[in-house]
Amino acid sequence: MSRIPLRHGKPDRRARPAALVVTAAVLLVPMLAPAQSLVTEGSDIVTTDEAATSAAGRNPNPIGAATLRTGLRQDVPLGVDGTDADDLNTLIEGPQNLPEAAIDGGDAAPRFSDDGSGIRLGSFMLRPTINESINGERTRSGGSETRRTYAATAVNGTLTSDWSRHALTVTAEGTHERNLSGSASTKPEGRIDADLRLDLADETVAHLTGGYAFEREDTSDPNAISGATTQAGVNRYSTGASIARDFGILRGTASLAAVRSTYGAARFADGSRLSLGDRDRWAVEGRLRLGYELSPALIPFIEASLGRAIYDETRDVSGYARSSHSYGGRGGLQVDFGEKLRGELGLGYAVVDYEDARLASLGAITLDGSLFWSPHRGTDVDFGLRTTLQDSTTAGVNGWREYQWTAGLSHQVMSRLTARLTGSVTQRDFSAGPDETDWQTGFGLIWNLNRWFDVTANLGYEHTGNASGPDSNLVRAGLGVSLRR
């Protein structure tokens, strides 16, 4: 059976202005909300190795069923995973600018480390949360419609040390779905990440990281298998090391990361299976960064990266050698005005050179960044930009450039009620075809009954553009209860 990507094209380029309008709307909506009490979300963007340490200490136990979806993963130690093995351009810094991970409203407000929660395990503190929810989902594609009702169990936890020197942070989360009605494919996922911070000297800090993640490839991915009832499962194993040092007004960081990606088999309605083992690969990347401290709040920086992707099989099922070398560089500005405003923005260029002479090099101007803004007490706004280069599985096609814009707004409506609004736009620029644009929006509420229980509600909508077929629209709603310790 031949493998045909679900999508390999995009709407006409005249659709770009519309996409930009949608993006602007998503980014402007959060700026209109009022607020009452300060809640800090997301991770500080300091250097590529300092962010996760501060974030983990500030918010070790997010409230509700799952991690706050803000466009950045605050609970994953930087450089542990959060890496996209399809994207050599952001192999190490993935957690800085991850796209929205779900179309639901996300969990609303984080819990702070001094709230009395957690289980003491020697010199460690464990903070687990479990959420049970009932959800309804409806998908329309062309003239067809599918529905399903399912129960979801989401578990997450953080284990943190309280050593006087050095620190170990382990985070884990997972979601399991069970269909109550309908036959649509479930979407299990899980991950575990560890970050060991070593305080080598007053101005030198090192990180040793490792992680594992599992997910099922989404049907909206251009590399998904057309006609499959269940897409392949993807396993990612990651490890990394980094060292950061301050030299007076100079800040230097060197890091190395490796990711092992393996793919399962896609399944069809007749029971047949299609192995995707030809996509299994290793990806390794090194990165150097140098910053200059104009002031504690303003630090311009330059950064260079070098990567290598090696596929297990020299040639894929279409006969193309997709192993590659990647190169990248960027410059930008990091800002830190405390809890009110912090983040960074970088502009650069990245290129991937494939071993197969029939595959042209894939390059793109990159714009990456994140911004956290607390305009009022109780209101937090976050923005994210991310540019990635992705490998294709289509014969003769090298890959595509993917641009993602995300935004989120959290607002404490009352002392025990918090709301969360999210939005994202993803645009895929193919070298041989029109562009595709997908967008998502979600709204969530969390009602804190007491220190142990929350009631959660989520509503989300996702539009997936498809130039080679009808567009699809998905609506999801859910109601759940969280138990935390």
Protein backbone atom coordinates (compact mmCIF):
# COMPACT_ATOMS: atom_id res chain seq x y z
CA MET A 1 0.00 0.00 0.00
CA SER A 2 1.43 3.34 -0.96
CA ARG A 3 1.60 6.08 1.59
CA ILE A 4 -0.13 9.32 0.70
CA PRO A 5 0.07 12.29 3.06
CA LEU A 6 -3.30 13.52 4.16
CA ARG A 7 -2.46 17.03 2.98
CA HIS A 8 0.33 18.43 0.93
CA GLY A 9 -1.03 21.72 -0.26
CA LYS A 10 -2.59 24.91 1.05
CA PRO A 11 -5.23 27.48 0.18
CA ASP A 12 -4.44 30.14 -2.38
CA ARG A 13 -1.85 32.68 -1.24
CA ARG A 14 -4.56 35.32 -1.43
CA ALA A 15 -5.76 33.81 1.85
CA ARG A 16 -2.71 35.19 3.67
CA PRO A 17 -4.29 38.61 4.40
CA ALA A 18 -7.24 36.83 6.00
CA ALA A 19 -4.89 34.77 8.12
CA LEU A 20 -3.10 37.92 9.26
CA VAL A 21 -6.41 39.54 10.20
CA VAL A 22 -7.36 36.50 12.27
CA THR A 23 -3.94 36.56 13.92
CA ALA A 24 -4.24 40.23 14.80
CA ALA A 25 -7.68 39.66 16.28
CA VAL A 26 -6.44 36.79 18.41
CA LEU A 27 -3.56 38.87 19.73
CA LEU A 28 -5.65 41.95 20.46
CA VAL A 29 -8.60 40.33 22.26
CA PRO A 30 -6.68 39.58 25.49
CA MET A 31 -5.60 43.21 25.79
CA LEU A 32 -9.17 44.35 26.39
CA ALA A 33 -9.82 42.55 29.69
CA PRO A 34 -9.87 44.05 33.24
CA ALA A 35 -8.29 42.40 36.35
CA GLN A 36 -8.11 42.11 40.12
CA SER A 37 -5.32 39.95 41.60
CA LEU A 38 -1.91 38.96 40.38
CA VAL A 39 -1.41 35.46 38.96
CA THR A 40 1.88 34.68 37.24
CA GLU A 41 1.86 32.09 34.44
CA GLY A 42 4.41 30.71 32.01
CA SER A 43 8.15 30.64 32.39
CA ASP A 44 10.61 33.50 32.45
CA ILE A 45 12.55 33.80 29.22
CA VAL A 46 16.03 34.48 30.50
CA THR A 47 18.57 32.43 28.62
CA THR A 48 17.89 29.13 26.94
CA ASP A 49 18.87 27.29 30.13
CA GLU A 50 17.67 29.50 32.99
CA ALA A 51 13.96 29.73 32.21
CA ALA A 52 12.65 26.41 33.43
CA THR A 53 14.38 26.57 36.79
CA SER A 54 12.63 29.77 37.79
CA ALA A 55 9.31 28.61 36.36
CA ALA A 56 9.35 25.29 38.19
CA GLY A 57 10.07 26.98 41.48
CA ARG A 58 7.35 29.56 40.99
CA ASN A 59 4.56 27.21 39.93
CA PRO A 60 5.26 23.59 40.80
CA ASN A 61 1.62 22.55 40.89
CA PRO A 62 -0.72 23.91 38.24
CA ILE A 63 -4.35 23.81 39.16
CA GLY A 64 -6.82 21.49 37.44
CA ALA A 65 -6.42 18.48 35.21
CA ALA A 66 -3.56 19.42 32.96
CA THR A 67 -0.84 21.96 32.42
CA LEU A 68 -1.80 25.52 31.59
CA ARG A 69 -1.80 25.83 27.81
CA THR A 70 -0.35 29.25 27.16
CA GLY A 71 1.75 28.74 24.10
CA LEU A 72 4.69 27.96 26.40
CA ARG A 73 5.18 24.96 28.63
CA GLN A 74 5.95 26.27 32.09
CA ASP A 75 6.18 22.85 33.74
CA VAL A 76 8.78 21.26 31.45
CA PRO A 77 12.41 21.91 32.32
CA LEU A 78 14.03 23.69 29.42
CA GLY A 79 15.89 21.42 27.08
CA VAL A 80 14.27 18.26 28.47
CA ASP A 81 11.80 17.62 25.74
CA GLY A 82 9.44 20.15 24.29
CA THR A 83 11.47 19.42 21.21
CA ASP A 84 10.09 18.68 17.82
CA ALA A 85 12.27 16.12 16.11
CA ASP A 86 10.80 17.20 12.78
CA ASP A 87 12.20 20.65 13.44
CA LEU A 88 15.97 20.93 13.70
CA ASN A 89 15.71 24.69 13.91
CA THR A 90 14.33 24.63 17.46
CA LEU A 91 15.58 21.33 18.78
CA ILE A 92 16.72 22.68 22.14
CA GLU A 93 14.56 25.71 22.79
CA GLY A 94 11.21 24.16 22.02
CA PRO A 95 9.68 24.88 25.44
CA GLN A 96 10.10 28.61 24.87
CA ASN A 97 7.56 28.78 22.07
CA LEU A 98 5.43 25.67 21.89
CA PRO A 99 2.16 26.06 20.01
CA GLU A 100 -1.20 25.59 21.64
CA ALA A 101 -1.43 21.93 22.58
CA ALA A 102 -5.22 21.65 22.77
CA ILE A 103 -8.27 23.50 21.60
CA ASP A 104 -9.91 23.47 25.02
CA GLY A 105 -9.77 26.52 27.22
CA GLY A 106 -6.86 25.20 29.23
CA ASP A 107 -6.66 25.14 32.99
CA ALA A 108 -7.17 28.48 34.53
CA ALA A 109 -4.90 29.50 37.39
CA PRO A 110 -1.70 28.04 38.79
CA ARG A 111 -1.28 27.06 42.42
CA PHE A 112 1.66 28.52 44.25
CA SER A 113 4.27 26.49 46.14
CA ASP A 114 3.37 28.02 49.51
CA ASP A 115 -0.33 26.99 49.53
CA GLY A 116 0.18 24.01 51.82
CA SER A 117 -0.43 21.44 49.09
CA GLY A 118 1.83 18.53 48.25
CA ILE A 119 3.15 15.31 49.74
CA ARG A 120 6.49 15.37 51.51
CA LEU A 121 8.85 12.56 50.36
CA GLY A 122 12.09 13.08 52.25
CA SER A 123 13.84 16.04 50.67
CA PHE A 124 11.30 16.12 47.81
CA MET A 125 7.80 17.53 47.45
CA LEU A 126 5.27 15.74 45.24
CA ARG A 127 2.23 17.63 43.94
CA PRO A 128 -0.17 15.40 41.97
CA THR A 129 -3.46 16.29 40.27
CA ILE A 130 -6.05 14.05 38.62
CA ASN A 131 -9.01 15.18 36.53
CA GLU A 132 -12.00 13.16 35.33
CA SER A 133 -14.12 14.74 32.61
CA ILE A 134 -16.93 13.94 30.20
CA ASN A 135 -16.53 15.48 26.76
CA GLY A 136 -18.48 15.78 23.54
CA GLU A 137 -16.85 16.26 20.14
CA ARG A 138 -18.28 16.95 16.68
CA THR A 139 -16.24 17.08 13.47
CA ARG A 140 -17.53 18.23 10.09
CA SER A 141 -15.58 17.67 6.89
CA GLY A 142 -17.30 18.47 3.62
CA GLY A 143 -20.77 16.93 3.76
CA SER A 144 -19.90 14.33 6.42
CA GLU A 145 -20.15 14.63 10.17
CA THR A 146 -18.81 12.47 13.00
CA ARG A 147 -19.62 12.69 16.68
CA ARG A 148 -18.31 11.06 19.80
CA THR A 149 -18.74 11.28 23.56
CA TYR A 150 -15.81 10.22 25.65
CA ALA A 151 -14.46 10.15 29.19
CA ALA A 152 -10.97 11.53 29.74
CA THR A 153 -8.63 10.92 32.64
CA ALA A 154 -5.80 13.42 32.93
CA VAL A 155 -3.03 13.06 35.48
CA ASN A 156 -0.10 15.35 36.14
CA GLY A 157 2.41 15.84 38.88
CA THR A 158 5.60 17.63 39.81
CA LEU A 159 8.37 16.31 42.03
CA THR A 160 10.78 18.99 43.23
CA SER A 161 13.77 18.91 45.56
CA ASP A 162 14.43 21.37 48.35
CA TRP A 163 18.18 20.92 48.53
CA SER A 164 20.30 23.81 49.75
CA ARG A 165 22.36 23.51 46.57
CA HIS A 166 21.51 22.10 43.14
CA ALA A 167 17.93 21.12 42.24
CA LEU A 168 16.07 18.25 40.62
CA THR A 169 12.67 18.73 39.02
CA VAL A 170 10.64 15.88 37.55
CA THR A 171 7.34 16.58 35.77
CA ALA A 172 4.89 14.09 34.33
CA GLU A 173 1.50 14.25 32.69
CA GLY A 174 -0.73 11.94 30.74
CA THR A 175 -4.21 11.74 29.23
CA HIS A 176 -6.27 8.62 28.52
CA GLU A 177 -9.56 8.70 26.61
CA ARG A 178 -12.39 6.13 26.52
CA ASN A 179 -15.14 6.47 23.91
CA LEU A 180 -18.65 6.22 25.38
CA SER A 181 -20.31 6.64 21.99
CA GLY A 182 -19.07 7.13 18.45
CA SER A 183 -16.12 5.46 16.78
CA ALA A 184 -13.66 8.32 16.32
CA SER A 185 -10.05 7.59 17.22
CA THR A 186 -8.93 8.40 20.76
CA LYS A 187 -5.89 10.59 21.37
CA PRO A 188 -3.78 9.28 24.27
CA GLU A 189 -0.68 11.22 25.20
CA GLY A 190 1.86 11.34 27.98
CA ARG A 191 5.28 12.62 28.92
CA ILE A 192 7.83 12.64 31.72
CA ASP A 193 10.74 15.08 31.96
CA ALA A 194 13.59 15.57 34.39
CA ASP A 195 15.97 18.48 34.90
CA LEU A 196 18.97 18.34 37.20
CA ARG A 197 20.39 21.82 37.86
CA LEU A 198 23.97 21.93 39.05
CA ASP A 199 25.18 25.12 40.74
CA LEU A 200 28.84 24.83 39.80
CA ALA A 201 29.87 28.33 40.90
CA ASP A 202 28.39 31.72 41.70
CA GLU A 203 28.15 32.61 38.02
CA THR A 204 28.01 29.14 36.42
CA VAL A 205 24.99 26.84 36.20
CA ALA A 206 24.70 23.54 34.33
CA HIS A 207 21.64 21.46 33.43
CA LEU A 208 21.37 17.74 32.69
CA THR A 209 18.02 16.79 31.18
CA GLY A 210 16.15 13.76 29.95
CA GLY A 211 12.62 12.90 28.94
CA TYR A 212 10.13 10.70 27.16
CA ALA A 213 6.91 11.66 25.36
CA PHE A 214 4.19 9.76 23.51
CA GLU A 215 1.46 11.12 21.27
CA ARG A 216 -0.64 10.03 18.33
CA GLU A 217 0.03 11.88 15.10
CA ASP A 218 -2.78 14.29 14.39
CA THR A 219 -4.94 13.82 11.30
CA SER A 220 -4.34 17.49 10.44
CA ASP A 221 -0.59 16.92 10.09
CA PRO A 222 0.56 17.06 6.45
CA ASN A 223 2.41 13.76 7.01
CA ALA A 224 -0.66 11.95 8.35
CA ILE A 225 -1.83 8.87 6.42
CA SER A 226 -4.84 9.42 4.18
CA GLY A 227 -7.74 7.06 4.93
CA ALA A 228 -6.30 5.70 8.19
CA THR A 229 -8.77 5.20 11.02
CA THR A 230 -5.96 5.46 13.59
CA GLN A 231 -2.79 7.43 12.97
CA ALA A 232 0.61 6.18 14.10
CA GLY A 233 1.87 6.61 17.63
CA VAL A 234 5.04 8.68 18.03
CA ASN A 235 7.62 8.02 20.76
CA ARG A 236 10.28 10.63 21.54
CA TYR A 237 13.24 10.11 23.85
CA SER A 238 15.37 13.14 24.65
CA THR A 239 18.49 14.05 26.55
CA GLY A 240 20.57 17.18 26.82
CA ALA A 241 23.21 19.15 28.68
CA SER A 242 23.91 22.85 28.94
CA ILE A 243 26.11 25.27 30.80
CA ALA A 244 25.55 29.00 31.33
CA ARG A 245 27.97 31.53 32.78
CA ASP A 246 27.95 35.26 33.42
CA PHE A 247 31.12 37.16 32.51
CA GLY A 248 30.34 40.52 34.02
CA ILE A 249 28.04 42.20 31.51
CA LEU A 250 28.30 39.22 29.14
CA ARG A 251 26.16 36.10 29.43
CA GLY A 252 27.18 32.93 27.61
CA THR A 253 25.31 29.65 27.11
CA ALA A 254 26.36 26.44 25.38
CA SER A 255 24.00 23.49 25.00
CA LEU A 256 23.74 20.12 23.30
CA ALA A 257 20.54 18.09 22.85
CA ALA A 258 19.61 14.81 21.21
CA VAL A 259 16.17 13.40 20.36
CA ARG A 260 15.29 9.88 19.26
CA SER A 261 11.94 9.62 17.40
CA THR A 262 10.21 6.33 16.53
CA TYR A 263 6.93 5.84 14.69
CA GLY A 264 4.41 3.03 14.99
CA ALA A 265 1.93 1.86 12.37
CA ALA A 266 -1.22 3.50 11.00
CA ARG A 267 -4.33 1.30 11.03
CA PHE A 268 -7.16 1.11 8.49
CA ALA A 269 -10.81 0.12 8.72
CA ASP A 270 -10.17 -3.31 7.12
CA GLY A 271 -7.67 -4.16 9.86
CA SER A 272 -4.55 -3.67 7.74
CA ARG A 273 -1.56 -1.73 9.04
CA LEU A 274 1.05 0.51 7.42
CA SER A 275 4.41 0.69 9.19
CA LEU A 276 6.07 4.10 9.36
CA GLY A 277 9.42 2.81 10.56
CA ASP A 278 11.20 4.57 7.69
CA ARG A 279 10.63 7.82 9.61
CA ASP A 280 12.58 6.69 12.70
CA ARG A 281 15.58 8.94 13.28
CA TRP A 282 18.04 10.64 15.57
CA ALA A 283 18.36 14.42 15.75
CA VAL A 284 21.26 16.19 17.48
CA GLU A 285 21.84 19.91 17.82
CA GLY A 286 24.38 22.20 19.44
CA ARG A 287 23.72 25.83 20.27
CA LEU A 288 25.82 28.80 21.40
CA ARG A 289 24.37 32.03 22.73
CA LEU A 290 25.97 35.29 23.87
CA GLY A 291 24.10 38.12 25.55
CA TYR A 292 25.17 41.65 26.49
CA GLU A 293 23.60 43.23 29.57
CA LEU A 294 22.68 46.80 28.76
CA SER A 295 20.77 46.72 32.04
CA PRO A 296 19.25 43.93 34.16
CA ALA A 297 16.03 44.46 32.20
CA LEU A 298 17.46 44.67 28.65
CA ILE A 299 19.82 42.08 27.20
CA PRO A 300 20.40 41.88 23.43
CA PHE A 301 21.77 38.53 22.27
CA ILE A 302 23.10 36.59 19.30
CA GLU A 303 22.79 32.84 18.82
CA ALA A 304 24.10 30.18 16.44
CA SER A 305 23.06 26.52 16.04
CA LEU A 306 24.25 23.46 14.16
CA GLY A 307 22.25 20.25 13.82
CA ARG A 308 22.23 16.82 12.25
CA ALA A 309 19.31 14.44 11.54
CA ILE A 310 20.06 10.80 10.75
CA TYR A 311 17.30 8.44 9.63
CA ASP A 312 17.61 4.75 10.51
CA GLU A 313 16.91 3.82 6.90
CA THR A 314 19.14 5.46 4.33
CA ARG A 315 16.15 5.95 2.01
CA ASP A 316 12.45 6.17 2.76
CA VAL A 317 9.71 4.17 1.03
CA SER A 318 9.78 6.64 -1.87
CA GLY A 319 13.54 6.22 -2.34
CA TYR A 320 14.66 9.58 -0.92
CA ALA A 321 17.57 10.08 1.48
CA ARG A 322 16.13 12.51 4.04
CA SER A 323 19.01 12.69 6.51
CA SER A 324 20.14 16.30 6.73
CA HIS A 325 22.35 19.00 8.23
CA SER A 326 20.81 22.15 9.69
CA TYR A 327 22.25 25.59 10.36
CA GLY A 328 20.75 28.60 12.05
CA GLY A 329 21.51 31.99 13.51
CA ARG A 330 19.52 34.76 15.07
CA GLY A 331 19.74 37.93 17.09
CA GLY A 332 17.23 39.47 19.42
CA LEU A 333 16.36 41.21 22.65
CA GLN A 334 15.48 39.78 26.03
CA VAL A 335 13.47 41.94 28.43
CA ASP A 336 12.70 41.42 32.10
CA PHE A 337 10.69 44.03 33.98
CA GLY A 338 9.62 41.59 36.67
CA GLU A 339 6.12 40.20 36.90
CA LYS A 340 4.62 43.00 34.82
CA LEU A 341 6.48 42.37 31.56
CA ARG A 342 9.08 39.85 30.45
CA GLY A 343 10.02 37.85 27.38
CA GLU A 344 12.22 37.87 24.32
CA LEU A 345 12.04 38.28 20.56
CA GLY A 346 14.54 36.97 18.02
CA LEU A 347 14.94 37.34 14.26
CA GLY A 348 17.17 35.04 12.22
CA TYR A 349 17.55 32.57 9.40
CA ALA A 350 17.58 28.76 9.36
CA VAL A 351 18.30 26.24 6.62
CA VAL A 352 18.16 22.45 6.26
CA ASP A 353 20.38 20.73 3.65
CA TYR A 354 19.26 17.22 2.64
CA GLU A 355 21.61 14.44 1.62
CA ASP A 356 19.46 13.61 -1.40
CA ALA A 357 20.45 15.91 -4.27
CA ARG A 358 16.86 15.74 -5.58
CA LEU A 359 15.60 17.54 -2.45
CA ALA A 360 16.32 21.26 -2.47
CA SER A 361 17.56 22.95 0.69
CA LEU A 362 14.78 24.30 2.87
CA GLY A 363 15.35 27.75 4.36
CA ALA A 364 13.31 30.40 6.11
CA ILE A 365 13.55 33.72 7.89
CA THR A 366 12.67 32.89 11.48
CA LEU A 367 10.74 34.98 13.97
CA ASP A 368 10.58 33.46 17.44
CA GLY A 369 9.60 34.99 20.72
CA SER A 370 7.35 35.10 23.73
CA LEU A 371 5.93 37.83 25.89
CA PHE A 372 4.27 37.71 29.31
CA TRP A 373 2.32 40.77 30.39
CA SER A 374 0.32 41.41 33.54
CA PRO A 375 -1.55 44.66 32.85
CA HIS A 376 -3.63 44.45 36.04
CA ARG A 377 -3.69 42.49 39.24
CA GLY A 378 -5.31 39.13 38.48
CA THR A 379 -4.89 39.35 34.70
CA ASP A 380 -2.10 37.69 32.73
CA VAL A 381 -1.56 37.82 28.97
CA ASP A 382 0.91 35.75 26.99
CA PHE A 383 1.93 35.86 23.33
CA GLY A 384 4.09 33.46 21.35
CA LEU A 385 5.73 33.35 17.92
CA ARG A 386 7.47 30.31 16.49
CA THR A 387 9.03 29.42 13.14
CA THR A 388 9.95 25.81 12.35
CA LEU A 389 11.20 23.76 9.41
CA GLN A 390 9.46 20.40 8.98
CA ASP A 391 10.40 17.32 6.97
CA SER A 392 7.88 15.97 4.45
CA THR A 393 7.16 12.34 3.52
CA THR A 394 5.85 13.16 0.04
CA ALA A 395 8.04 11.98 -2.84
CA GLY A 396 10.06 14.86 -4.29
CA VAL A 397 9.00 17.35 -1.57
CA ASN A 398 11.64 18.52 0.92
CA GLY A 399 9.38 19.93 3.61
CA TRP A 400 7.58 23.07 4.65
CA ARG A 401 7.96 26.21 6.74
CA GLU A 402 5.56 26.51 9.64
CA TYR A 403 4.67 29.79 11.34
CA GLN A 404 2.70 29.76 14.58
CA TRP A 405 1.14 32.62 16.52
CA THR A 406 -0.39 31.98 19.95
CA ALA A 407 -2.09 34.13 22.56
CA GLY A 408 -3.69 33.52 25.92
CA LEU A 409 -5.53 35.48 28.57
CA SER A 410 -6.12 34.38 32.18
CA HIS A 411 -8.33 36.44 34.45
CA GLN A 412 -9.36 35.88 38.05
CA VAL A 413 -13.06 36.71 37.83
CA MET A 414 -13.66 36.08 41.52
CA SER A 415 -11.54 34.77 44.37
CA ARG A 416 -12.52 31.17 43.51
CA LEU A 417 -13.30 31.50 39.78
CA THR A 418 -10.72 31.93 37.02
CA ALA A 419 -11.28 32.12 33.25
CA ARG A 420 -8.84 31.30 30.47
CA LEU A 421 -9.10 32.34 26.79
CA THR A 422 -6.67 30.98 24.17
CA GLY A 423 -6.14 31.36 20.45
CA SER A 424 -3.61 30.25 17.86
CA VAL A 425 -2.99 30.43 14.13
CA THR A 426 -0.71 28.06 12.21
CA GLN A 427 0.35 28.77 8.65
CA ARG A 428 2.23 26.19 6.57
CA ASP A 429 4.27 27.45 3.64
CA PHE A 430 5.03 24.66 1.16
CA SER A 431 7.71 25.08 -1.47
CA ALA A 432 5.60 23.30 -4.11
CA GLY A 433 2.02 24.30 -3.46
CA PRO A 434 -0.32 26.86 -1.92
CA ASP A 435 -0.32 27.70 1.77
CA GLU A 436 -2.50 26.15 4.48
CA THR A 437 -3.83 27.99 7.50
CA ASP A 438 -5.31 26.39 10.63
CA TRP A 439 -6.64 28.20 13.65
CA GLN A 440 -7.95 27.35 17.09
CA THR A 441 -9.71 29.12 19.91
CA GLY A 442 -10.77 27.92 23.33
CA PHE A 443 -12.38 29.07 26.56
CA GLY A 444 -12.10 27.47 30.00
CA LEU A 445 -13.39 28.06 33.52
CA ILE A 446 -12.16 26.64 36.80
CA TRP A 447 -14.08 26.93 40.04
CA ASN A 448 -12.06 26.27 43.17
CA LEU A 449 -14.41 24.52 45.62
CA ASN A 450 -11.72 24.07 48.29
CA ARG A 451 -8.03 23.28 48.54
CA TRP A 452 -8.61 19.74 47.24
CA PHE A 453 -11.31 20.00 44.56
CA ASP A 454 -11.99 22.05 41.41
CA VAL A 455 -14.78 22.00 38.86
CA THR A 456 -13.59 22.64 35.28
CA ALA A 457 -15.42 23.50 32.07
CA ASN A 458 -13.95 23.84 28.57
CA LEU A 459 -15.19 24.82 25.14
CA GLY A 460 -13.05 24.85 21.98
CA TYR A 461 -13.24 25.25 18.22
CA GLU A 462 -10.69 24.29 15.56
CA HIS A 463 -10.68 24.97 11.82
CA THR A 464 -8.31 22.97 9.62
CA GLY A 465 -7.71 24.16 6.06
CA ASN A 466 -7.11 21.49 3.42
CA ALA A 467 -6.29 22.46 -0.16
CA SER A 468 -6.46 18.86 -1.40
CA GLY A 469 -9.94 18.27 0.03
CA PRO A 470 -12.71 19.82 2.12
CA ASP A 471 -11.85 21.86 5.19
CA SER A 472 -12.76 20.41 8.57
CA ASN A 473 -14.27 22.04 11.65
CA LEU A 474 -14.18 20.58 15.14
CA VAL A 475 -16.15 21.65 18.20
CA ARG A 476 -15.42 20.20 21.64
CA ALA A 477 -16.98 20.80 25.06
CA GLY A 478 -16.27 19.18 28.41
CA LEU A 479 -17.06 19.25 32.12
CA GLY A 480 -14.79 17.76 34.76
CA VAL A 481 -13.73 17.51 38.39
CA SER A 482 -10.14 17.79 39.61
CA LEU A 483 -8.65 16.31 42.76
CA ARG A 484 -5.28 17.60 43.88
CA ARG A 485 -2.95 17.06 46.77
